[in-house]
Amino acid sequence: MEQKLFIAACIMYVFSWVSKRLFKKNKLDDPKDFALWHAGFLVFFLGCIYAIFNFVVSNGSDVLNSGITKKDVFVTLLILGISVGGFFYAKLKPAKRNDIIKFDLDWANTIYFAGFVASIVMFFFVQAFKIPSASMYQTLQIGDHLFVNKAVYGFRIPLTNIRFSQFKPVSVDDIIIFSFPAATKDQINCGGYQYGRDYVKRVVALPGDKVEVKEGQLYINDEMEPLHGYEVFRIQDRLKPVIKVSNSAEKAAEDGLPVVSPAVYQTLWEKGKLEYELGMSLRDNFGPVIVPPNTYFAMGDNRDDSCDSRFWGPVPFENIKGNALFIHWPLSRIRLVK
């Protein structure tokens, strides 16, 4: 989001810079030239409104609740901008056209300045996110809008994975926002393509920790998960294990289950392929695995309705965008996130 906003600000800056020179050289005096210029301004301006509408209302979906697609909205705005700029403003008197040009340039300056400032703030310090699912219920609920502290784990140099000035390390119980750790765009997890999507989960294990789930209960380093200041939601009906992770084929045979070695299980998990082999059984019976260096094991508080590290593997540190700070909308839900 911040990268798109920065690009939009750059485009508006270039548009403003070119427009000022055209205006000084009297290149916009002709009604047709003015009409084309103003139509371009309106299209870009309405495009910004379209982007905000898509982000706030449709939440990134290609189809809105009414069945109208994003393409329909964009085409409508495009036609509207060209129509207004081309057929109405071209008939104005020169003095009035000059006033409109100055007014539009003031708006262009405001947009690109605000865009640069907002994109810098969003990239380095704070960014807003909207919760789309119930995987963190009741800590975070569907529709919650929250601010994320992006500086807490270090400032990221743009277009790199290099960080500096880390204020605190990633810790157990931190609620993190991160880019889904998919290796390719066509990788399928949890029923669809997740590449490039932002996820929010709670860190339950750190690098080097042993993680296992037995009949829905989480164990870290062979100890049952301790009680925390939040409620973990579980249901009673449990899925039975479908394999046995063991170096002993005889031990696995005693349970009547196929055997897989810990090394193979670990490799499949780290590559995000364990879900393909075991499916939903991972929800209640998982591991054991060892969290690799510089990665973290993340789970939703709503354990039985969460697509998390059990299914697609560890979260690399470089994928983490920040730490959930507080809910700012709706008003009835305003609170610190913990």
Protein backbone atom coordinates (compact mmCIF):
# COMPACT_ATOMS: atom_id res chain seq x y z
CA MET A 1 0.00 0.00 0.00
CA GLU A 2 2.74 2.48 0.94
CA GLN A 3 4.67 1.70 -2.25
CA LYS A 4 1.62 2.36 -4.42
CA LEU A 5 0.99 5.59 -2.53
CA PHE A 6 4.59 6.69 -3.09
CA ILE A 7 4.34 5.95 -6.82
CA ALA A 8 1.07 7.91 -7.02
CA ALA A 9 2.75 10.86 -5.27
CA CYS A 10 5.64 10.72 -7.75
CA ILE A 11 3.23 10.71 -10.70
CA MET A 12 1.34 13.69 -9.31
CA TYR A 13 4.63 15.53 -8.67
CA VAL A 14 5.70 15.01 -12.30
CA PHE A 15 2.24 16.07 -13.48
CA SER A 16 2.44 19.23 -11.37
CA TRP A 17 5.99 20.04 -12.54
CA VAL A 18 5.12 19.62 -16.23
CA SER A 19 1.86 21.55 -15.84
CA LYS A 20 3.58 24.58 -14.29
CA ARG A 21 5.97 24.82 -17.22
CA LEU A 22 3.19 24.44 -19.74
CA PHE A 23 1.25 27.15 -17.96
CA LYS A 24 4.22 29.55 -17.89
CA LYS A 25 4.81 29.03 -21.62
CA ASN A 26 1.13 29.64 -22.37
CA LYS A 27 0.76 26.11 -23.75
CA LEU A 28 -2.65 25.72 -22.11
CA ASP A 29 -4.26 28.82 -23.61
CA ASP A 30 -5.93 26.90 -26.41
CA PRO A 31 -9.32 25.55 -25.23
CA LYS A 32 -8.59 22.07 -26.62
CA ASP A 33 -5.20 21.84 -24.90
CA PHE A 34 -6.75 23.05 -21.67
CA ALA A 35 -9.57 20.51 -21.97
CA LEU A 36 -7.14 17.63 -22.47
CA TRP A 37 -4.94 18.80 -19.58
CA HIS A 38 -7.85 19.21 -17.19
CA ALA A 39 -9.32 15.86 -18.21
CA GLY A 40 -6.00 14.24 -17.29
CA PHE A 41 -6.04 15.93 -13.91
CA LEU A 42 -9.61 14.82 -13.22
CA VAL A 43 -8.88 11.23 -14.23
CA PHE A 44 -5.92 11.02 -11.85
CA PHE A 45 -7.78 12.78 -9.04
CA LEU A 46 -10.82 10.51 -9.44
CA GLY A 47 -8.45 7.56 -9.64
CA CYS A 48 -7.22 8.45 -6.14
CA ILE A 49 -10.83 8.48 -4.93
CA TYR A 50 -11.32 5.09 -6.61
CA ALA A 51 -8.26 3.69 -4.83
CA ILE A 52 -9.52 4.90 -1.45
CA PHE A 53 -12.98 3.50 -2.21
CA ASN A 54 -11.52 0.13 -3.13
CA PHE A 55 -9.31 -0.01 -0.05
CA VAL A 56 -11.98 1.06 2.44
CA VAL A 57 -15.17 -0.44 1.00
CA SER A 58 -14.24 -3.51 -1.02
CA ASN A 59 -11.20 -4.41 1.13
CA GLY A 60 -9.11 -5.42 -1.86
CA SER A 61 -11.74 -7.65 -3.46
CA ASP A 62 -12.18 -7.70 -7.23
CA VAL A 63 -15.96 -7.78 -6.88
CA LEU A 64 -17.93 -5.54 -4.54
CA ASN A 65 -20.95 -6.75 -2.57
CA SER A 66 -23.24 -5.31 -5.24
CA GLY A 67 -21.54 -7.38 -7.96
CA ILE A 68 -19.83 -4.32 -9.49
CA THR A 69 -16.20 -4.98 -10.35
CA LYS A 70 -13.29 -2.64 -9.72
CA LYS A 71 -12.87 -2.34 -13.49
CA ASP A 72 -16.44 -1.04 -13.76
CA VAL A 73 -15.73 1.64 -11.16
CA PHE A 74 -12.49 2.72 -12.85
CA VAL A 75 -14.02 2.93 -16.33
CA THR A 76 -16.92 4.99 -14.98
CA LEU A 77 -14.53 7.46 -13.32
CA LEU A 78 -12.42 7.63 -16.48
CA ILE A 79 -15.39 8.49 -18.67
CA LEU A 80 -16.62 11.02 -16.13
CA GLY A 81 -13.25 12.76 -15.97
CA ILE A 82 -12.87 12.98 -19.74
CA SER A 83 -16.44 14.14 -20.22
CA VAL A 84 -16.23 16.93 -17.65
CA GLY A 85 -12.81 18.08 -18.78
CA GLY A 86 -13.47 17.85 -22.49
CA PHE A 87 -16.96 19.19 -22.91
CA PHE A 88 -17.60 21.62 -20.08
CA TYR A 89 -14.40 23.40 -19.12
CA ALA A 90 -13.31 23.93 -22.74
CA LYS A 91 -16.09 26.54 -23.10
CA LEU A 92 -14.86 28.74 -20.25
CA LYS A 93 -13.27 32.14 -20.79
CA PRO A 94 -9.43 32.39 -20.62
CA ALA A 95 -9.38 34.16 -17.26
CA LYS A 96 -11.61 31.52 -15.72
CA ARG A 97 -9.50 28.72 -17.21
CA ASN A 98 -6.37 30.23 -15.64
CA ASP A 99 -8.08 30.34 -12.26
CA ILE A 100 -9.01 26.66 -12.61
CA ILE A 101 -5.45 25.74 -13.61
CA LYS A 102 -4.03 27.48 -10.52
CA PHE A 103 -6.67 25.82 -8.34
CA ASP A 104 -5.88 22.38 -9.79
CA LEU A 105 -2.14 22.88 -9.35
CA ASP A 106 -2.69 23.76 -5.70
CA TRP A 107 -4.56 20.48 -5.28
CA ALA A 108 -1.83 18.61 -7.17
CA ASN A 109 0.81 20.06 -4.82
CA THR A 110 -1.28 19.09 -1.82
CA ILE A 111 -1.78 15.54 -3.09
CA TYR A 112 1.86 14.78 -3.88
CA PHE A 113 3.14 16.37 -0.65
CA ALA A 114 0.59 14.49 1.44
CA GLY A 115 1.36 11.31 -0.52
CA PHE A 116 5.10 11.58 0.14
CA VAL A 117 4.61 12.27 3.84
CA ALA A 118 2.01 9.50 4.27
CA SER A 119 4.08 6.93 2.37
CA ILE A 120 7.18 7.72 4.49
CA VAL A 121 5.17 7.45 7.71
CA MET A 122 3.53 4.20 6.53
CA PHE A 123 6.82 2.67 5.39
CA PHE A 124 8.92 3.51 8.47
CA PHE A 125 6.66 4.22 11.43
CA VAL A 126 2.94 3.44 11.52
CA GLN A 127 0.54 1.80 9.08
CA ALA A 128 -3.17 1.04 9.21
CA PHE A 129 -4.55 -2.45 8.60
CA LYS A 130 -8.03 -3.96 8.54
CA ILE A 131 -8.77 -7.42 9.99
CA PRO A 132 -10.46 -9.60 7.33
CA SER A 133 -10.93 -12.89 9.20
CA ALA A 134 -11.75 -14.43 12.57
CA SER A 135 -8.39 -16.18 13.05
CA MET A 136 -7.44 -13.87 15.94
CA TYR A 137 -10.89 -13.83 17.60
CA GLN A 138 -11.50 -12.51 20.24
CA THR A 139 -8.32 -10.43 20.48
CA LEU A 140 -8.98 -9.04 17.00
CA GLN A 141 -12.39 -9.25 15.34
CA ILE A 142 -13.50 -9.04 11.72
CA GLY A 143 -13.67 -5.39 10.67
CA ASP A 144 -11.29 -4.08 13.33
CA HIS A 145 -8.99 -1.33 12.05
CA LEU A 146 -5.64 -1.21 13.79
CA PHE A 147 -2.40 0.73 13.68
CA VAL A 148 0.84 -1.21 13.43
CA ASN A 149 4.18 -0.10 14.85
CA LYS A 150 6.61 -0.67 11.96
CA ALA A 151 9.68 0.73 13.73
CA VAL A 152 9.71 -1.57 16.76
CA TYR A 153 11.70 -4.36 15.05
CA GLY A 154 13.97 -1.90 13.23
CA PHE A 155 13.68 0.55 10.35
CA ARG A 156 13.75 -1.20 6.98
CA ILE A 157 15.77 0.32 4.15
CA PRO A 158 13.37 0.63 1.16
CA LEU A 159 13.49 -2.18 -1.42
CA THR A 160 15.78 -4.27 0.82
CA ASN A 161 15.52 -6.60 3.82
CA ILE A 162 18.13 -4.60 5.75
CA ARG A 163 16.99 -3.22 9.12
CA PHE A 164 18.66 -0.95 11.63
CA SER A 165 17.96 0.54 15.08
CA GLN A 166 15.87 -2.38 16.36
CA PHE A 167 14.07 -1.29 19.54
CA LYS A 168 13.17 -4.81 20.74
CA PRO A 169 13.49 -8.38 19.52
CA VAL A 170 10.50 -10.40 18.38
CA SER A 171 9.15 -12.11 21.51
CA VAL A 172 6.62 -14.77 22.41
CA ASP A 173 3.10 -13.28 22.65
CA ASP A 174 3.90 -10.46 20.19
CA ILE A 175 1.10 -9.95 17.66
CA ILE A 176 2.89 -9.45 14.36
CA ILE A 177 1.83 -8.36 10.89
CA PHE A 178 3.82 -10.00 8.11
CA SER A 179 3.85 -10.79 4.41
CA PHE A 180 2.78 -14.37 3.79
CA PRO A 181 5.92 -16.52 3.38
CA ALA A 182 5.09 -17.99 -0.03
CA ALA A 183 8.03 -18.88 -2.26
CA THR A 184 6.13 -18.31 -5.53
CA LYS A 185 2.96 -16.55 -6.67
CA ASP A 186 1.31 -19.84 -7.67
CA GLN A 187 1.85 -21.49 -4.26
CA ILE A 188 -1.49 -22.55 -2.78
CA ASN A 189 -2.11 -22.65 0.96
CA CYS A 190 -5.28 -22.70 3.02
CA GLY A 191 -7.46 -23.00 -0.08
CA GLY A 192 -5.99 -20.26 -2.27
CA TYR A 193 -3.10 -18.07 -3.37
CA GLN A 194 -1.61 -16.21 -0.40
CA TYR A 195 1.46 -14.64 -2.04
CA GLY A 196 1.79 -10.94 -1.20
CA ARG A 197 -1.00 -10.95 1.39
CA ASP A 198 -0.58 -9.49 4.85
CA TYR A 199 -1.28 -11.78 7.81
CA VAL A 200 -1.70 -11.07 11.52
CA LYS A 201 -0.86 -13.78 14.07
CA ARG A 202 0.62 -14.23 17.54
CA VAL A 203 4.20 -15.46 18.00
CA VAL A 204 4.16 -18.67 20.07
CA ALA A 205 7.71 -19.95 19.53
CA LEU A 206 11.15 -18.51 18.77
CA PRO A 207 14.12 -19.80 16.75
CA GLY A 208 15.38 -23.10 18.15
CA ASP A 209 12.15 -23.93 19.99
CA LYS A 210 10.50 -27.32 19.62
CA VAL A 211 6.81 -27.05 18.69
CA GLU A 212 4.19 -29.78 18.85
CA VAL A 213 0.38 -29.94 18.95
CA LYS A 214 -1.28 -32.97 20.56
CA GLU A 215 -5.07 -33.27 20.40
CA GLY A 216 -5.39 -29.51 20.05
CA GLN A 217 -3.01 -28.63 22.89
CA LEU A 218 0.16 -26.69 22.08
CA TYR A 219 3.49 -27.79 23.56
CA ILE A 220 6.65 -25.67 23.43
CA ASN A 221 9.90 -27.48 24.25
CA ASP A 222 7.83 -30.42 25.56
CA GLU A 223 5.96 -28.19 28.02
CA MET A 224 2.27 -27.41 27.74
CA GLU A 225 1.61 -23.85 26.61
CA PRO A 226 1.39 -21.66 29.72
CA LEU A 227 -1.59 -19.47 30.44
CA HIS A 228 -1.33 -15.95 29.04
CA GLY A 229 -3.40 -12.82 29.33
CA TYR A 230 -5.58 -13.78 26.36
CA GLU A 231 -8.11 -16.50 25.67
CA VAL A 232 -7.40 -19.23 23.13
CA PHE A 233 -10.53 -20.52 21.44
CA ARG A 234 -10.85 -24.26 20.81
CA ILE A 235 -13.63 -26.69 20.01
CA GLN A 236 -14.20 -30.17 21.40
CA ASP A 237 -14.30 -32.32 18.27
CA ARG A 238 -10.75 -33.36 17.45
CA LEU A 239 -9.17 -34.76 14.30
CA LYS A 240 -7.12 -37.91 14.70
CA PRO A 241 -3.47 -38.02 13.56
CA VAL A 242 -2.94 -39.55 10.11
CA ILE A 243 0.81 -40.28 10.35
CA LYS A 244 3.38 -40.98 13.01
CA VAL A 245 6.57 -38.90 13.14
CA SER A 246 9.19 -41.35 14.28
CA ASN A 247 12.57 -42.83 13.45
CA SER A 248 11.18 -46.21 14.43
CA ALA A 249 8.93 -47.97 11.92
CA GLU A 250 8.06 -50.56 14.57
CA LYS A 251 6.79 -47.86 16.97
CA ALA A 252 4.65 -46.30 14.26
CA ALA A 253 3.26 -49.69 13.27
CA GLU A 254 2.03 -50.19 16.82
CA ASP A 255 -0.33 -47.26 16.33
CA GLY A 256 -1.42 -48.47 12.91
CA LEU A 257 -0.19 -45.28 11.20
CA PRO A 258 2.18 -44.65 8.29
CA VAL A 259 5.61 -43.52 9.44
CA VAL A 260 7.58 -40.47 8.34
CA SER A 261 10.99 -39.51 9.65
CA PRO A 262 11.43 -36.28 11.65
CA ALA A 263 13.85 -34.97 9.01
CA VAL A 264 11.35 -35.41 6.17
CA TYR A 265 8.54 -33.92 8.24
CA GLN A 266 10.71 -30.92 9.14
CA THR A 267 11.69 -30.33 5.51
CA LEU A 268 8.10 -30.52 4.25
CA TRP A 269 7.02 -28.09 6.94
CA GLU A 270 9.78 -25.56 6.27
CA LYS A 271 8.94 -25.57 2.54
CA GLY A 272 5.23 -25.02 3.20
CA LYS A 273 4.28 -28.39 1.70
CA LEU A 274 3.11 -30.23 4.83
CA GLU A 275 -0.47 -29.07 4.30
CA TYR A 276 -0.56 -30.82 0.91
CA GLU A 277 0.23 -34.13 2.61
CA LEU A 278 -1.78 -33.96 5.84
CA GLY A 279 -4.46 -31.29 5.36
CA MET A 280 -6.70 -30.33 8.28
CA SER A 281 -5.29 -33.04 10.55
CA LEU A 282 -2.46 -30.56 11.29
CA ARG A 283 -4.94 -28.46 13.24
CA ASP A 284 -5.00 -30.87 16.19
CA ASN A 285 -1.93 -33.06 15.72
CA PHE A 286 1.21 -31.36 14.49
CA GLY A 287 4.96 -31.86 14.78
CA PRO A 288 7.25 -31.97 16.48
CA VAL A 289 9.33 -29.46 14.51
CA ILE A 290 12.22 -27.16 15.40
CA VAL A 291 11.79 -23.48 14.50
CA PRO A 292 14.69 -22.62 12.14
CA PRO A 293 17.12 -19.74 12.80
CA ASN A 294 15.79 -16.23 12.16
CA THR A 295 12.19 -17.47 11.85
CA TYR A 296 9.17 -17.65 14.16
CA PHE A 297 6.18 -19.91 14.75
CA ALA A 298 2.94 -17.91 14.59
CA MET A 299 -0.63 -18.99 15.37
CA GLY A 300 -4.03 -17.36 15.59
CA ASP A 301 -5.75 -17.06 18.97
CA ASN A 302 -8.76 -18.74 17.37
CA ARG A 303 -6.77 -21.96 17.04
CA ASP A 304 -9.47 -24.02 15.32
CA ASP A 305 -10.14 -21.41 12.63
CA SER A 306 -6.66 -20.16 11.85
CA CYS A 307 -4.47 -20.68 8.80
CA ASP A 308 -1.09 -20.40 10.50
CA SER A 309 2.42 -21.84 10.84
CA ARG A 310 1.05 -25.35 11.35
CA PHE A 311 -0.02 -25.36 7.70
CA TRP A 312 2.47 -23.19 5.81
CA GLY A 313 5.65 -23.11 7.88
CA PRO A 314 7.73 -20.59 9.83
CA VAL A 315 7.64 -16.80 9.43
CA PRO A 316 11.03 -15.37 8.36
CA PHE A 317 12.11 -12.23 10.22
CA GLU A 318 12.41 -10.30 6.95
CA ASN A 319 8.69 -10.87 6.26
CA ILE A 320 7.61 -9.19 9.50
CA LYS A 321 6.26 -5.66 8.99
CA GLY A 322 5.59 -4.70 12.57
CA ASN A 323 3.81 -5.20 15.85
CA ALA A 324 0.07 -4.57 16.35
CA LEU A 325 -0.33 -1.37 18.35
CA PHE A 326 -3.98 -0.48 18.96
CA ILE A 327 -7.46 -0.72 17.45
CA HIS A 328 -8.74 2.66 16.30
CA TRP A 329 -12.05 1.63 14.68
CA PRO A 330 -14.88 0.93 15.40
CA LEU A 331 -15.16 3.34 18.31
CA SER A 332 -16.60 0.68 20.60
CA ARG A 333 -13.46 -1.41 20.07
CA ILE A 334 -10.77 1.24 20.66
CA ARG A 335 -8.06 -0.37 22.80
CA LEU A 336 -4.41 -1.39 22.95
CA VAL A 337 -3.72 -4.75 21.32
CA LYS A 338 -2.16 -7.34 23.60
